[in-house]
N, C-alpha and C. Protein backbone atom coordinates (compact mmCIF):
# COMPACT_ATOMS: atom_id res chain seq x y z
N UNK A 1 -59.44 76.77 78.29
CA UNK A 1 -59.37 75.55 77.56
C UNK A 1 -58.23 75.55 76.58
N UNK A 2 -57.38 74.57 76.65
CA UNK A 2 -56.17 74.58 75.79
C UNK A 2 -56.59 74.15 74.36
N UNK A 3 -55.83 74.68 73.39
CA UNK A 3 -56.08 74.33 72.00
C UNK A 3 -55.30 73.11 71.64
N UNK A 4 -55.88 72.29 70.74
CA UNK A 4 -55.20 71.10 70.24
C UNK A 4 -54.42 71.42 69.03
N UNK A 5 -53.14 71.05 68.99
CA UNK A 5 -52.29 71.34 67.87
C UNK A 5 -52.17 70.15 66.92
N UNK A 6 -51.84 70.41 65.66
CA UNK A 6 -51.54 69.40 64.71
C UNK A 6 -50.25 69.77 64.02
N UNK A 7 -49.54 68.82 63.49
CA UNK A 7 -48.22 69.07 62.93
C UNK A 7 -48.07 68.48 61.53
N UNK A 8 -47.27 69.19 60.78
CA UNK A 8 -46.96 68.66 59.40
C UNK A 8 -45.85 67.60 59.55
N UNK A 9 -46.11 66.41 59.04
CA UNK A 9 -45.09 65.34 59.13
C UNK A 9 -43.86 65.56 58.26
N UNK A 10 -43.99 66.54 57.32
CA UNK A 10 -42.86 66.82 56.39
C UNK A 10 -41.95 67.89 56.91
N UNK A 11 -42.53 69.07 57.26
CA UNK A 11 -41.67 70.16 57.66
C UNK A 11 -41.71 70.46 59.18
N UNK A 12 -42.70 69.84 59.87
CA UNK A 12 -42.77 69.98 61.33
C UNK A 12 -43.55 71.21 61.79
N UNK A 13 -44.16 71.98 60.85
CA UNK A 13 -44.88 73.14 61.23
C UNK A 13 -46.10 72.80 62.08
N UNK A 14 -46.37 73.68 63.07
CA UNK A 14 -47.49 73.38 64.00
C UNK A 14 -48.70 74.24 63.59
N UNK A 15 -49.91 73.61 63.62
CA UNK A 15 -51.14 74.28 63.28
C UNK A 15 -52.18 74.08 64.37
N UNK A 16 -53.11 75.04 64.43
CA UNK A 16 -54.24 74.88 65.35
C UNK A 16 -55.23 73.82 64.84
N UNK A 17 -56.04 73.35 65.77
CA UNK A 17 -57.06 72.36 65.44
C UNK A 17 -58.01 72.93 64.37
N UNK A 18 -58.40 72.09 63.44
CA UNK A 18 -59.30 72.55 62.39
C UNK A 18 -58.59 72.68 61.04
N UNK A 19 -57.27 72.80 61.07
CA UNK A 19 -56.50 72.86 59.80
C UNK A 19 -56.13 71.42 59.44
N UNK A 20 -56.33 71.05 58.18
CA UNK A 20 -56.13 69.65 57.72
C UNK A 20 -54.89 69.44 56.93
N UNK A 21 -54.41 70.49 56.22
CA UNK A 21 -53.33 70.32 55.30
C UNK A 21 -52.27 71.44 55.54
N UNK A 22 -51.03 71.10 55.42
CA UNK A 22 -49.94 72.04 55.57
C UNK A 22 -49.93 73.03 54.41
N UNK A 23 -49.90 74.32 54.74
CA UNK A 23 -49.94 75.34 53.68
C UNK A 23 -48.71 75.31 52.80
N UNK A 24 -47.60 74.89 53.39
CA UNK A 24 -46.30 74.90 52.63
C UNK A 24 -46.04 73.64 51.88
N UNK A 25 -46.36 72.48 52.48
CA UNK A 25 -46.00 71.15 51.91
C UNK A 25 -47.15 70.47 51.18
N UNK A 26 -48.39 70.98 51.43
CA UNK A 26 -49.57 70.39 50.84
C UNK A 26 -49.76 68.92 51.17
N UNK A 27 -49.42 68.54 52.43
CA UNK A 27 -49.62 67.19 52.90
C UNK A 27 -50.49 67.22 54.14
N UNK A 28 -51.19 66.08 54.41
CA UNK A 28 -52.12 66.05 55.52
C UNK A 28 -51.38 66.16 56.87
N UNK A 29 -51.96 66.90 57.79
CA UNK A 29 -51.39 67.08 59.10
C UNK A 29 -51.56 65.85 59.98
N UNK A 30 -50.72 65.75 61.00
CA UNK A 30 -50.77 64.62 61.91
C UNK A 30 -51.07 65.10 63.33
N UNK A 31 -51.66 64.27 64.12
CA UNK A 31 -51.93 64.58 65.52
C UNK A 31 -50.67 64.44 66.40
N UNK A 32 -49.65 63.74 65.83
CA UNK A 32 -48.44 63.45 66.56
C UNK A 32 -47.36 64.45 66.22
N UNK A 33 -46.74 64.98 67.25
CA UNK A 33 -45.64 65.98 67.07
C UNK A 33 -44.41 65.23 66.55
N UNK A 34 -43.56 65.88 65.75
CA UNK A 34 -42.34 65.26 65.28
C UNK A 34 -41.51 64.78 66.47
N UNK A 35 -40.94 63.56 66.33
CA UNK A 35 -40.18 63.00 67.39
C UNK A 35 -38.89 63.76 67.68
N UNK A 36 -38.23 64.17 66.57
CA UNK A 36 -36.98 64.88 66.75
C UNK A 36 -36.72 65.76 65.54
N UNK A 37 -35.73 66.60 65.66
CA UNK A 37 -35.38 67.50 64.59
C UNK A 37 -35.03 66.86 63.28
N UNK A 38 -34.44 65.63 63.37
CA UNK A 38 -34.01 64.93 62.16
C UNK A 38 -35.20 64.66 61.24
N UNK A 39 -36.39 64.34 61.87
CA UNK A 39 -37.56 64.02 61.04
C UNK A 39 -38.00 65.18 60.19
N UNK A 40 -37.65 66.40 60.55
CA UNK A 40 -38.14 67.56 59.82
C UNK A 40 -37.14 68.11 58.81
N UNK A 41 -35.96 67.47 58.75
CA UNK A 41 -34.92 67.95 57.78
C UNK A 41 -35.34 67.45 56.38
N UNK A 42 -35.11 68.31 55.40
CA UNK A 42 -35.44 67.97 54.02
C UNK A 42 -34.19 68.04 53.13
N UNK A 43 -34.25 67.40 51.99
CA UNK A 43 -33.16 67.43 50.97
C UNK A 43 -33.82 67.88 49.69
N UNK A 44 -33.09 68.79 48.96
CA UNK A 44 -33.60 69.27 47.72
C UNK A 44 -32.70 68.67 46.59
N UNK A 45 -33.35 67.99 45.66
CA UNK A 45 -32.67 67.42 44.51
C UNK A 45 -32.95 68.38 43.33
N UNK A 46 -31.88 68.90 42.72
CA UNK A 46 -32.01 69.75 41.55
C UNK A 46 -31.99 68.86 40.30
N UNK A 47 -33.11 68.67 39.66
CA UNK A 47 -33.29 67.72 38.54
C UNK A 47 -33.51 68.40 37.27
N UNK A 48 -32.95 69.58 37.06
CA UNK A 48 -33.17 70.33 35.85
C UNK A 48 -32.48 69.67 34.66
N UNK A 49 -31.56 68.72 34.91
CA UNK A 49 -30.90 68.03 33.78
C UNK A 49 -31.70 66.84 33.29
N UNK A 50 -32.85 66.56 33.97
CA UNK A 50 -33.69 65.45 33.52
C UNK A 50 -34.86 66.01 32.71
N UNK A 51 -35.45 65.18 31.88
CA UNK A 51 -36.57 65.61 31.04
C UNK A 51 -37.83 65.53 31.91
N UNK A 52 -38.91 66.22 31.48
CA UNK A 52 -40.18 66.14 32.20
C UNK A 52 -40.68 64.69 32.30
N UNK A 53 -40.49 63.90 31.25
CA UNK A 53 -40.93 62.47 31.31
C UNK A 53 -40.14 61.75 32.37
N UNK A 54 -38.86 62.02 32.50
CA UNK A 54 -38.06 61.31 33.53
C UNK A 54 -38.49 61.72 34.92
N UNK A 55 -38.78 63.01 35.09
CA UNK A 55 -39.29 63.46 36.39
C UNK A 55 -40.67 62.87 36.66
N UNK A 56 -41.46 62.67 35.63
CA UNK A 56 -42.77 62.02 35.79
C UNK A 56 -42.62 60.61 36.27
N UNK A 57 -41.58 59.90 35.77
CA UNK A 57 -41.34 58.52 36.22
C UNK A 57 -40.94 58.56 37.70
N UNK A 58 -40.18 59.53 38.09
CA UNK A 58 -39.79 59.65 39.51
C UNK A 58 -41.06 59.88 40.35
N UNK A 59 -41.97 60.72 39.85
CA UNK A 59 -43.20 61.02 40.61
C UNK A 59 -43.96 59.68 40.87
N UNK A 60 -44.08 58.86 39.85
CA UNK A 60 -44.82 57.59 40.00
C UNK A 60 -44.15 56.70 41.03
N UNK A 61 -42.84 56.64 40.99
CA UNK A 61 -42.08 55.81 41.97
C UNK A 61 -42.29 56.35 43.38
N UNK A 62 -42.25 57.64 43.55
CA UNK A 62 -42.45 58.23 44.85
C UNK A 62 -43.84 57.94 45.43
N UNK A 63 -44.81 58.02 44.53
CA UNK A 63 -46.16 57.76 44.95
C UNK A 63 -46.34 56.26 45.35
N UNK A 64 -45.73 55.40 44.53
CA UNK A 64 -45.77 53.96 44.80
C UNK A 64 -45.15 53.62 46.13
N UNK A 65 -44.11 54.30 46.48
CA UNK A 65 -43.39 54.06 47.75
C UNK A 65 -43.93 54.90 48.91
N UNK A 66 -45.02 55.67 48.64
CA UNK A 66 -45.65 56.49 49.69
C UNK A 66 -44.62 57.46 50.33
N UNK A 67 -43.77 58.05 49.46
CA UNK A 67 -42.78 59.03 49.93
C UNK A 67 -43.33 60.40 49.86
N UNK A 68 -43.40 61.11 50.97
CA UNK A 68 -43.88 62.49 50.95
C UNK A 68 -42.87 63.36 50.23
N UNK A 69 -43.34 64.25 49.40
CA UNK A 69 -42.44 65.04 48.60
C UNK A 69 -43.14 66.28 48.06
N UNK A 70 -42.40 67.15 47.50
CA UNK A 70 -42.95 68.41 46.91
C UNK A 70 -42.04 68.83 45.75
N UNK A 71 -42.72 69.26 44.67
CA UNK A 71 -42.00 69.82 43.51
C UNK A 71 -41.91 71.33 43.64
N UNK A 72 -40.75 71.91 43.42
CA UNK A 72 -40.58 73.34 43.52
C UNK A 72 -39.85 73.83 42.27
N UNK A 73 -40.14 75.10 41.90
CA UNK A 73 -39.33 75.73 40.83
C UNK A 73 -38.01 76.12 41.44
N UNK A 74 -37.03 76.42 40.60
CA UNK A 74 -35.70 76.82 41.14
C UNK A 74 -35.78 78.04 42.07
N UNK A 75 -36.87 78.78 42.01
CA UNK A 75 -37.04 79.97 42.90
C UNK A 75 -37.59 79.56 44.23
N UNK A 76 -38.01 78.27 44.40
CA UNK A 76 -38.50 77.82 45.65
C UNK A 76 -39.98 77.83 45.77
N UNK A 77 -40.70 78.15 44.66
CA UNK A 77 -42.17 78.15 44.66
C UNK A 77 -42.72 76.76 44.63
N UNK A 78 -43.74 76.46 45.44
CA UNK A 78 -44.36 75.14 45.48
C UNK A 78 -45.26 74.96 44.24
N UNK A 79 -45.34 73.69 43.80
CA UNK A 79 -46.26 73.38 42.68
C UNK A 79 -47.09 72.19 43.10
N UNK A 80 -48.39 72.28 42.98
CA UNK A 80 -49.28 71.23 43.51
C UNK A 80 -49.15 69.97 42.62
N UNK A 81 -49.10 68.84 43.29
CA UNK A 81 -48.97 67.55 42.62
C UNK A 81 -50.31 67.18 42.02
N UNK A 82 -50.39 66.81 40.75
CA UNK A 82 -51.62 66.43 40.12
C UNK A 82 -51.31 65.70 38.83
N UNK A 83 -52.24 64.82 38.38
CA UNK A 83 -52.08 64.12 37.15
C UNK A 83 -52.76 64.92 36.01
N UNK A 84 -53.39 66.08 36.35
CA UNK A 84 -54.06 66.88 35.36
C UNK A 84 -53.03 67.56 34.52
N UNK A 85 -53.45 68.16 33.35
CA UNK A 85 -52.53 68.88 32.52
C UNK A 85 -51.80 69.96 33.31
N UNK A 86 -50.45 70.07 33.01
CA UNK A 86 -49.70 71.04 33.79
C UNK A 86 -49.07 70.32 35.02
N UNK A 87 -48.69 69.05 34.83
CA UNK A 87 -48.11 68.28 35.95
C UNK A 87 -46.96 69.08 36.51
N UNK A 88 -46.78 69.04 37.86
CA UNK A 88 -45.73 69.84 38.46
C UNK A 88 -44.32 69.56 37.98
N UNK A 89 -44.09 68.25 37.71
CA UNK A 89 -42.71 67.90 37.33
C UNK A 89 -42.41 68.42 35.94
N UNK A 90 -43.42 68.86 35.19
CA UNK A 90 -43.14 69.42 33.84
C UNK A 90 -42.66 70.83 33.92
N UNK A 91 -43.01 71.54 35.01
CA UNK A 91 -42.67 72.95 35.13
C UNK A 91 -41.73 73.21 36.32
N UNK A 92 -41.57 72.24 37.20
CA UNK A 92 -40.70 72.37 38.36
C UNK A 92 -39.59 71.31 38.33
N UNK A 93 -38.40 71.68 38.63
CA UNK A 93 -37.30 70.75 38.50
C UNK A 93 -36.64 70.40 39.84
N UNK A 94 -37.05 71.05 40.89
CA UNK A 94 -36.46 70.77 42.21
C UNK A 94 -37.40 69.84 43.02
N UNK A 95 -36.88 68.74 43.43
CA UNK A 95 -37.64 67.78 44.25
C UNK A 95 -37.22 67.85 45.70
N UNK A 96 -38.23 68.04 46.59
CA UNK A 96 -37.98 68.17 48.04
C UNK A 96 -38.51 66.95 48.76
N UNK A 97 -37.65 66.23 49.49
CA UNK A 97 -38.08 65.07 50.25
C UNK A 97 -37.49 65.12 51.62
N UNK A 98 -38.01 64.32 52.51
CA UNK A 98 -37.49 64.24 53.88
C UNK A 98 -36.14 63.51 53.88
N UNK A 99 -35.29 63.90 54.81
CA UNK A 99 -33.98 63.28 54.94
C UNK A 99 -34.06 61.80 55.17
N UNK A 100 -35.09 61.39 55.84
CA UNK A 100 -35.21 59.97 56.14
C UNK A 100 -35.41 59.08 54.88
N UNK A 101 -35.85 59.74 53.79
CA UNK A 101 -36.11 58.98 52.57
C UNK A 101 -34.98 59.11 51.56
N UNK A 102 -33.87 59.64 51.96
CA UNK A 102 -32.76 59.97 51.07
C UNK A 102 -32.27 58.68 50.35
N UNK A 103 -32.07 57.60 51.10
CA UNK A 103 -31.52 56.40 50.46
C UNK A 103 -32.46 55.83 49.39
N UNK A 104 -33.78 55.85 49.68
CA UNK A 104 -34.74 55.32 48.69
C UNK A 104 -34.74 56.18 47.46
N UNK A 105 -34.76 57.51 47.65
CA UNK A 105 -34.81 58.47 46.53
C UNK A 105 -33.53 58.31 45.66
N UNK A 106 -32.40 58.20 46.37
CA UNK A 106 -31.12 58.04 45.65
C UNK A 106 -31.14 56.81 44.72
N UNK A 107 -31.77 55.70 45.22
CA UNK A 107 -31.88 54.47 44.40
C UNK A 107 -32.77 54.70 43.22
N UNK A 108 -33.82 55.42 43.41
CA UNK A 108 -34.73 55.74 42.27
C UNK A 108 -33.99 56.56 41.18
N UNK A 109 -33.25 57.57 41.62
CA UNK A 109 -32.53 58.42 40.71
C UNK A 109 -31.45 57.62 39.98
N UNK A 110 -30.81 56.72 40.65
CA UNK A 110 -29.80 55.89 40.00
C UNK A 110 -30.38 55.06 38.85
N UNK A 111 -31.61 54.55 39.06
CA UNK A 111 -32.26 53.79 37.97
C UNK A 111 -32.61 54.71 36.79
N UNK A 112 -33.00 55.90 37.13
CA UNK A 112 -33.34 56.88 36.02
C UNK A 112 -32.12 57.24 35.24
N UNK A 113 -30.97 57.40 35.97
CA UNK A 113 -29.74 57.79 35.33
C UNK A 113 -29.08 56.63 34.53
N UNK A 114 -29.50 55.39 34.79
CA UNK A 114 -28.90 54.23 34.13
C UNK A 114 -29.95 53.35 33.53
N UNK A 115 -30.73 53.85 32.58
CA UNK A 115 -31.84 53.03 31.99
C UNK A 115 -31.34 51.95 31.06
N UNK A 116 -30.13 52.13 30.45
CA UNK A 116 -29.65 51.18 29.48
C UNK A 116 -29.54 49.76 30.02
N UNK A 117 -29.08 49.69 31.31
CA UNK A 117 -28.88 48.34 31.91
C UNK A 117 -30.23 47.64 32.06
N UNK A 118 -31.27 48.41 32.46
CA UNK A 118 -32.57 47.82 32.58
C UNK A 118 -33.15 47.38 31.25
N UNK A 119 -33.01 48.24 30.25
CA UNK A 119 -33.56 47.95 28.93
C UNK A 119 -32.88 46.71 28.29
N UNK A 120 -31.53 46.58 28.55
CA UNK A 120 -30.83 45.48 27.96
C UNK A 120 -31.35 44.16 28.49
N UNK A 121 -31.53 44.10 29.83
CA UNK A 121 -31.99 42.86 30.45
C UNK A 121 -33.43 42.58 30.08
N UNK A 122 -34.22 43.65 30.01
CA UNK A 122 -35.67 43.48 29.70
C UNK A 122 -35.88 42.95 28.28
N UNK A 123 -34.93 43.19 27.40
CA UNK A 123 -35.05 42.76 26.03
C UNK A 123 -34.74 41.31 25.84
N UNK A 124 -34.23 40.63 26.90
CA UNK A 124 -33.92 39.24 26.78
C UNK A 124 -35.08 38.33 27.14
N UNK A 125 -35.34 37.39 26.24
CA UNK A 125 -36.32 36.34 26.57
C UNK A 125 -37.72 36.62 26.10
N UNK A 126 -38.40 35.60 25.59
CA UNK A 126 -39.73 35.73 25.10
C UNK A 126 -40.75 36.04 26.22
N UNK A 127 -40.43 35.53 27.45
CA UNK A 127 -41.39 35.75 28.56
C UNK A 127 -41.53 37.25 28.86
N UNK A 128 -40.40 37.91 28.89
CA UNK A 128 -40.44 39.33 29.17
C UNK A 128 -41.22 40.09 28.08
N UNK A 129 -41.04 39.68 26.82
CA UNK A 129 -41.76 40.30 25.75
C UNK A 129 -43.26 40.12 25.87
N UNK A 130 -43.65 38.91 26.28
CA UNK A 130 -45.06 38.60 26.48
C UNK A 130 -45.70 39.43 27.56
N UNK A 131 -44.93 39.61 28.68
CA UNK A 131 -45.45 40.38 29.80
C UNK A 131 -45.60 41.86 29.37
N UNK A 132 -44.60 42.40 28.64
CA UNK A 132 -44.72 43.76 28.19
C UNK A 132 -45.85 43.93 27.19
N UNK A 133 -46.13 42.90 26.43
CA UNK A 133 -47.22 42.97 25.45
C UNK A 133 -48.57 43.09 26.22
N UNK A 134 -48.74 42.35 27.34
CA UNK A 134 -49.94 42.43 28.15
C UNK A 134 -50.08 43.85 28.70
N UNK A 135 -48.99 44.41 29.20
CA UNK A 135 -49.02 45.77 29.72
C UNK A 135 -49.42 46.75 28.63
N UNK A 136 -48.83 46.56 27.44
CA UNK A 136 -49.18 47.46 26.35
C UNK A 136 -50.62 47.36 25.98
N UNK A 137 -51.19 46.13 25.97
CA UNK A 137 -52.61 45.98 25.63
C UNK A 137 -53.49 46.69 26.68
N UNK A 138 -53.10 46.62 27.93
CA UNK A 138 -53.86 47.25 28.98
C UNK A 138 -53.86 48.80 28.79
N UNK A 139 -52.71 49.30 28.43
CA UNK A 139 -52.57 50.73 28.18
C UNK A 139 -53.46 51.17 27.05
N UNK A 140 -53.40 50.47 25.91
CA UNK A 140 -54.22 50.82 24.75
C UNK A 140 -55.73 50.73 25.11
N UNK A 141 -56.13 49.72 25.85
CA UNK A 141 -57.54 49.55 26.21
C UNK A 141 -57.96 50.70 27.08
N UNK A 142 -57.13 51.10 28.08
CA UNK A 142 -57.53 52.19 28.95
C UNK A 142 -57.55 53.51 28.19
N UNK A 143 -56.59 53.72 27.28
CA UNK A 143 -56.51 54.93 26.50
C UNK A 143 -57.75 55.10 25.62
N UNK A 144 -58.21 54.03 24.99
CA UNK A 144 -59.37 54.08 24.13
C UNK A 144 -60.65 54.22 24.96
N UNK A 145 -60.70 53.56 26.13
CA UNK A 145 -61.92 53.65 26.92
C UNK A 145 -62.18 55.02 27.53
N UNK A 146 -61.09 55.74 27.84
CA UNK A 146 -61.26 57.04 28.48
C UNK A 146 -61.95 57.99 27.51
N UNK A 147 -61.80 57.78 26.19
CA UNK A 147 -62.39 58.67 25.22
C UNK A 147 -63.79 58.22 24.81
N UNK A 148 -64.13 56.95 25.08
CA UNK A 148 -65.42 56.47 24.64
C UNK A 148 -65.91 55.42 25.65
N UNK A 149 -66.22 55.88 26.90
CA UNK A 149 -66.52 54.95 28.03
C UNK A 149 -67.81 54.14 27.85
N UNK A 150 -68.73 54.53 26.95
CA UNK A 150 -69.95 53.80 26.82
C UNK A 150 -69.93 52.77 25.63
N UNK A 151 -68.78 52.60 25.04
CA UNK A 151 -68.65 51.62 23.96
C UNK A 151 -68.52 50.21 24.53
N UNK A 152 -69.46 49.33 24.32
CA UNK A 152 -69.44 48.00 24.89
C UNK A 152 -68.29 47.16 24.37
N UNK A 153 -67.94 47.38 23.10
CA UNK A 153 -66.87 46.61 22.51
C UNK A 153 -65.53 46.97 23.18
N UNK A 154 -65.34 48.26 23.44
CA UNK A 154 -64.13 48.71 24.15
C UNK A 154 -64.07 48.20 25.56
N UNK A 155 -65.27 48.15 26.19
CA UNK A 155 -65.37 47.61 27.52
C UNK A 155 -64.93 46.15 27.56
N UNK A 156 -65.38 45.37 26.56
CA UNK A 156 -65.00 43.97 26.47
C UNK A 156 -63.48 43.81 26.28
N UNK A 157 -62.87 44.66 25.46
CA UNK A 157 -61.44 44.64 25.25
C UNK A 157 -60.72 44.93 26.56
N UNK A 158 -61.27 45.89 27.31
CA UNK A 158 -60.63 46.25 28.56
C UNK A 158 -60.69 45.13 29.54
N UNK A 159 -61.82 44.46 29.66
CA UNK A 159 -61.97 43.32 30.57
C UNK A 159 -60.91 42.26 30.28
N UNK A 160 -60.73 41.94 28.97
CA UNK A 160 -59.77 40.91 28.59
C UNK A 160 -58.32 41.36 29.00
N UNK A 161 -58.01 42.66 28.74
CA UNK A 161 -56.66 43.10 29.06
C UNK A 161 -56.46 43.17 30.58
N UNK A 162 -57.47 43.56 31.34
CA UNK A 162 -57.35 43.67 32.81
C UNK A 162 -57.24 42.27 33.40
N UNK A 163 -57.94 41.29 32.88
CA UNK A 163 -57.82 39.90 33.36
C UNK A 163 -56.41 39.38 33.14
N UNK A 164 -55.87 39.64 31.96
CA UNK A 164 -54.52 39.21 31.65
C UNK A 164 -53.46 39.84 32.55
N UNK A 165 -53.61 41.16 32.79
CA UNK A 165 -52.63 41.89 33.62
C UNK A 165 -52.74 41.49 35.07
N UNK A 166 -53.95 41.04 35.46
CA UNK A 166 -54.12 40.68 36.91
C UNK A 166 -53.51 39.39 37.30
N UNK A 167 -53.03 38.62 36.32
CA UNK A 167 -52.53 37.27 36.60
C UNK A 167 -51.02 37.12 36.36
N UNK A 168 -50.36 38.27 36.09
CA UNK A 168 -48.89 38.19 35.84
C UNK A 168 -48.11 38.97 36.88
N UNK A 169 -46.86 38.60 36.99
CA UNK A 169 -45.92 39.29 37.90
C UNK A 169 -45.54 40.63 37.26
N UNK A 170 -44.94 41.52 38.11
CA UNK A 170 -44.55 42.84 37.58
C UNK A 170 -43.57 42.71 36.40
N UNK A 171 -43.78 43.42 35.35
CA UNK A 171 -42.81 43.44 34.22
C UNK A 171 -41.43 43.87 34.77
N UNK A 172 -40.37 43.43 34.08
CA UNK A 172 -39.02 43.73 34.55
C UNK A 172 -38.85 45.24 34.55
N UNK A 173 -38.24 45.73 35.62
CA UNK A 173 -37.96 47.18 35.74
C UNK A 173 -39.02 47.99 36.37
N UNK A 174 -40.18 47.34 36.69
CA UNK A 174 -41.27 48.01 37.35
C UNK A 174 -41.40 47.52 38.78
N UNK A 175 -41.34 48.42 39.75
CA UNK A 175 -41.42 48.02 41.13
C UNK A 175 -42.76 47.29 41.46
N UNK A 176 -42.75 46.31 42.33
CA UNK A 176 -43.97 45.59 42.67
C UNK A 176 -45.06 46.56 43.14
N UNK A 177 -44.72 47.59 43.89
CA UNK A 177 -45.71 48.55 44.39
C UNK A 177 -46.40 49.28 43.25
N UNK A 178 -45.62 49.64 42.23
CA UNK A 178 -46.21 50.28 41.03
C UNK A 178 -47.14 49.35 40.33
N UNK A 179 -46.72 48.09 40.15
CA UNK A 179 -47.57 47.13 39.42
C UNK A 179 -48.82 46.83 40.21
N UNK A 180 -48.69 46.73 41.51
CA UNK A 180 -49.94 46.53 42.32
C UNK A 180 -50.89 47.69 42.16
N UNK A 181 -50.35 48.91 42.01
CA UNK A 181 -51.22 50.08 41.80
C UNK A 181 -51.89 49.97 40.44
N UNK A 182 -51.18 49.52 39.42
CA UNK A 182 -51.76 49.30 38.09
C UNK A 182 -52.91 48.31 38.18
N UNK A 183 -52.66 47.17 38.84
CA UNK A 183 -53.76 46.16 38.93
C UNK A 183 -54.94 46.66 39.77
N UNK A 184 -54.68 47.46 40.78
CA UNK A 184 -55.76 48.04 41.58
C UNK A 184 -56.60 48.98 40.73
N UNK A 185 -55.93 49.83 39.91
CA UNK A 185 -56.69 50.77 39.06
C UNK A 185 -57.46 50.02 38.01
N UNK A 186 -56.88 48.93 37.49
CA UNK A 186 -57.58 48.16 36.47
C UNK A 186 -58.87 47.57 37.07
N UNK A 187 -58.77 47.12 38.29
CA UNK A 187 -59.99 46.59 38.97
C UNK A 187 -61.00 47.64 39.19
N UNK A 188 -60.56 48.84 39.47
CA UNK A 188 -61.50 49.95 39.67
C UNK A 188 -62.23 50.29 38.40
N UNK A 189 -61.52 50.29 37.26
CA UNK A 189 -62.13 50.53 36.02
C UNK A 189 -63.20 49.44 35.71
N UNK A 190 -62.81 48.14 35.88
CA UNK A 190 -63.71 47.11 35.63
C UNK A 190 -64.95 47.16 36.52
N UNK A 191 -64.75 47.49 37.79
CA UNK A 191 -65.89 47.59 38.71
C UNK A 191 -66.82 48.70 38.33
N UNK A 192 -66.25 49.83 37.85
CA UNK A 192 -67.14 50.96 37.48
C UNK A 192 -67.94 50.61 36.21
N UNK A 193 -67.39 49.82 35.33
CA UNK A 193 -68.11 49.38 34.13
C UNK A 193 -69.20 48.42 34.52
N UNK A 194 -68.89 47.45 35.39
CA UNK A 194 -69.84 46.43 35.77
C UNK A 194 -70.99 47.04 36.57
N UNK A 195 -70.72 48.06 37.36
CA UNK A 195 -71.71 48.75 38.17
C UNK A 195 -72.52 49.76 37.35
N UNK A 196 -72.16 49.89 36.08
CA UNK A 196 -72.87 50.82 35.14
C UNK A 196 -72.82 52.23 35.76
N UNK A 197 -71.68 52.63 36.24
CA UNK A 197 -71.52 53.99 36.77
C UNK A 197 -71.53 54.97 35.58
N UNK A 198 -71.68 56.27 35.93
CA UNK A 198 -71.70 57.25 34.87
C UNK A 198 -70.44 57.22 34.00
N UNK A 199 -70.68 57.65 32.73
CA UNK A 199 -69.53 57.62 31.79
C UNK A 199 -68.35 58.42 32.29
N UNK A 200 -68.65 59.52 33.03
CA UNK A 200 -67.59 60.38 33.48
C UNK A 200 -66.71 59.66 34.52
N UNK A 201 -67.34 58.79 35.31
CA UNK A 201 -66.60 57.97 36.35
C UNK A 201 -65.73 56.98 35.64
N UNK A 202 -66.30 56.26 34.70
CA UNK A 202 -65.52 55.22 33.97
C UNK A 202 -64.33 55.89 33.21
N UNK A 203 -64.60 57.02 32.58
CA UNK A 203 -63.55 57.72 31.81
C UNK A 203 -62.46 58.21 32.75
N UNK A 204 -62.82 58.73 33.93
CA UNK A 204 -61.83 59.23 34.89
C UNK A 204 -60.99 58.12 35.42
N UNK A 205 -61.61 56.94 35.69
CA UNK A 205 -60.82 55.80 36.21
C UNK A 205 -59.85 55.26 35.11
N UNK A 206 -60.37 55.22 33.90
CA UNK A 206 -59.51 54.78 32.76
C UNK A 206 -58.35 55.75 32.57
N UNK A 207 -58.61 57.06 32.72
CA UNK A 207 -57.59 58.08 32.55
C UNK A 207 -56.47 57.88 33.58
N UNK A 208 -56.81 57.62 34.82
CA UNK A 208 -55.79 57.44 35.85
C UNK A 208 -54.92 56.27 35.55
N UNK A 209 -55.54 55.16 35.13
CA UNK A 209 -54.78 53.93 34.80
C UNK A 209 -53.84 54.21 33.62
N UNK A 210 -54.40 54.92 32.59
CA UNK A 210 -53.63 55.21 31.41
C UNK A 210 -52.43 56.10 31.81
N UNK A 211 -52.59 57.03 32.65
CA UNK A 211 -51.53 57.93 33.06
C UNK A 211 -50.40 57.21 33.78
N UNK A 212 -50.74 56.26 34.64
CA UNK A 212 -49.72 55.46 35.30
C UNK A 212 -48.89 54.61 34.34
N UNK A 213 -49.59 54.03 33.41
CA UNK A 213 -48.93 53.16 32.43
C UNK A 213 -48.13 53.90 31.38
N UNK A 214 -48.45 55.17 31.16
CA UNK A 214 -47.89 55.93 30.07
C UNK A 214 -46.36 55.91 30.03
N UNK A 215 -45.76 56.05 31.23
CA UNK A 215 -44.28 56.07 31.32
C UNK A 215 -43.63 54.78 30.92
N UNK A 216 -44.35 53.66 31.01
CA UNK A 216 -43.75 52.37 30.85
C UNK A 216 -44.02 51.67 29.48
N UNK A 217 -44.78 52.31 28.64
CA UNK A 217 -45.13 51.71 27.37
C UNK A 217 -44.57 52.54 26.18
């Protein structure tokens, strides 16, 4: 009886049936073999000249665009992606992505390298200021709720902030995919409060939302 193989969509490594995640790339395996050698080629960006906060912004953008990637130290060691303390981008400066995503990643890095242009335009107009104020209120509400998830007053403040954020377009400089993720997380927090889920669940949902917003406020 022949064995069923699975492949890593990032590096192309082949595994036997029963293995779910690539040991090198920490990504889910696929039943489909790579179409060609080009799909398995990777590019390494050396981002040691960027701050951890800037690399954290890149991480959010990569997740929003569903780009498979890995953070490595300059020695080539893998670092697991997580929002928990000790985020990989804080200790690892090399970003590994597939060659097929090079154009998208280059565009993200260009925005990181030229923030002044974005900030100058974002500062123009009362409408932009109002949108950013809504985003800031949502951040504060999530930040306070994660520390005190059973406080009804804080829950009310969060509902108000989430409702306001759910009805506006993405703030200038934030990709639509990232903003949709913010709105989705806000709905998850609201749902967990309304369902009277455990405080730990509400706090964890609020923490995830707070972490996504942190870079932008």
